[in-house]
Amino acid sequence: MAQRTRKARRGDRRIDSRTALLLLVVVVSSFAVIMGFRFQALSSAYRRYEVQYETAQKTLAAEEQRLSDLQAQQNRKQTDEDIEKAAREQLGLILPGEILLKPNQ
């Protein structure tokens, strides 16, 4: 009889298959819920970074266009005729031997 009692006690400590299956379902479901929340957080962070990347790409394209325009302007300003024209218009300079006539006001 003493042996039966021991076996009965051991049987009480064992987890039956239904309880084990329920425990497994709870653990897997909890894991799935946690991973779902984590995926949602990562997805929103990815979207934010994607918007920042697109904004940076647009800014880069605008700055490259601006650089191209400035380089073209610099190339145009480096000819002798352009330098002379700018000196006449902006600084009021004249070539030696020229006479500057100003209209009466």
Protein backbone atom coordinates (compact mmCIF):
# COMPACT_ATOMS: atom_id res chain seq x y z
CA MET A 1 0.00 0.00 0.00
CA ALA A 2 2.90 2.29 0.65
CA GLN A 3 4.04 1.79 -2.94
CA ARG A 4 0.66 2.73 -4.28
CA THR A 5 0.69 5.94 -2.38
CA ARG A 6 4.06 6.84 -3.83
CA LYS A 7 2.85 6.13 -7.35
CA ALA A 8 -0.25 8.19 -6.74
CA ARG A 9 1.85 11.08 -5.51
CA ARG A 10 4.12 10.83 -8.55
CA GLY A 11 1.08 10.87 -10.76
CA ASP A 12 -0.11 14.05 -9.12
CA ARG A 13 3.18 15.78 -9.94
CA ARG A 14 3.02 14.89 -13.59
CA ILE A 15 1.40 17.31 -15.98
CA ASP A 16 -1.27 15.66 -18.04
CA SER A 17 -1.27 16.15 -21.83
CA ARG A 18 -4.16 18.62 -21.86
CA THR A 19 -2.48 20.90 -19.37
CA ALA A 20 0.81 20.67 -21.28
CA LEU A 21 -0.94 21.50 -24.54
CA LEU A 22 -2.75 24.44 -22.94
CA LEU A 23 0.51 25.73 -21.49
CA LEU A 24 2.20 25.39 -24.89
CA VAL A 25 -0.65 27.27 -26.61
CA VAL A 26 -0.45 30.09 -24.05
CA VAL A 27 3.33 30.41 -24.45
CA VAL A 28 3.19 30.37 -28.26
CA SER A 29 0.29 32.85 -28.31
CA SER A 30 2.13 35.20 -25.94
CA PHE A 31 5.21 34.99 -28.13
CA ALA A 32 3.15 35.74 -31.24
CA VAL A 33 1.51 38.78 -29.62
CA ILE A 34 4.87 40.14 -28.44
CA MET A 35 6.40 39.63 -31.88
CA GLY A 36 3.40 41.34 -33.48
CA PHE A 37 3.90 44.45 -31.35
CA ARG A 38 7.62 44.43 -32.07
CA PHE A 39 6.97 44.07 -35.81
CA GLN A 40 4.56 47.01 -35.71
CA ALA A 41 7.15 49.19 -33.94
CA LEU A 42 9.84 48.23 -36.44
CA SER A 43 7.48 48.80 -39.35
CA SER A 44 6.64 52.33 -38.21
CA ALA A 45 10.35 53.10 -37.66
CA TYR A 46 11.08 51.80 -41.16
CA ARG A 47 8.42 54.10 -42.63
CA ARG A 48 9.89 57.10 -40.78
CA TYR A 49 13.37 56.32 -42.06
CA GLU A 50 12.02 55.82 -45.56
CA VAL A 51 10.44 59.31 -45.48
CA GLN A 52 13.69 60.79 -44.17
CA TYR A 53 15.61 59.03 -46.94
CA GLU A 54 13.29 60.37 -49.63
CA THR A 55 13.55 63.89 -48.20
CA ALA A 56 17.34 63.63 -48.14
CA GLN A 57 17.34 62.37 -51.76
CA LYS A 58 15.22 65.35 -52.86
CA THR A 59 17.48 67.76 -50.99
CA LEU A 60 20.54 66.15 -52.54
CA ALA A 61 19.07 66.44 -56.04
CA ALA A 62 18.21 70.12 -55.46
CA GLU A 63 21.71 70.86 -54.16
CA GLU A 64 23.31 69.04 -57.10
CA GLN A 65 21.20 71.13 -59.48
CA ARG A 66 22.20 74.29 -57.62
CA LEU A 67 25.87 73.29 -57.84
CA SER A 68 25.52 72.66 -61.55
CA ASP A 69 23.89 76.08 -62.05
CA LEU A 70 26.63 77.82 -60.06
CA GLN A 71 29.36 76.05 -62.03
CA ALA A 72 27.72 77.04 -65.30
CA GLN A 73 27.41 80.63 -64.08
CA GLN A 74 31.05 80.64 -63.05
CA ASN A 75 32.11 79.34 -66.46
CA ARG A 76 30.07 82.08 -68.16
CA LYS A 77 31.61 84.80 -65.99
CA GLN A 78 35.17 83.83 -66.79
CA THR A 79 35.32 85.05 -70.38
CA ASP A 80 37.04 88.41 -71.00
CA GLU A 81 33.92 89.91 -72.53
CA ASP A 82 31.81 89.02 -69.49
CA ILE A 83 34.40 90.42 -67.12
CA GLU A 84 34.57 93.66 -69.12
CA LYS A 85 30.78 93.91 -69.27
CA ALA A 86 30.48 93.39 -65.50
CA ALA A 87 33.18 96.00 -64.85
CA ARG A 88 31.38 98.55 -67.03
CA GLU A 89 27.89 97.91 -65.65
CA GLN A 90 28.55 97.26 -61.97
CA LEU A 91 31.66 99.34 -61.31
CA GLY A 92 31.30 102.05 -63.95
CA LEU A 93 34.82 101.46 -65.31
CA ILE A 94 35.89 102.49 -68.82
CA LEU A 95 38.79 101.55 -71.06
CA PRO A 96 41.70 103.97 -71.48
CA GLY A 97 40.90 106.55 -74.16
CA GLU A 98 37.11 106.19 -73.80
CA ILE A 99 34.96 109.13 -72.83
CA LEU A 100 31.97 108.56 -70.56
CA LEU A 101 28.93 110.62 -71.43
CA LYS A 102 26.19 110.90 -68.87
CA PRO A 103 22.75 112.19 -69.84
CA ASN A 104 21.51 115.40 -68.18
CA GLN A 105 19.03 114.85 -65.46
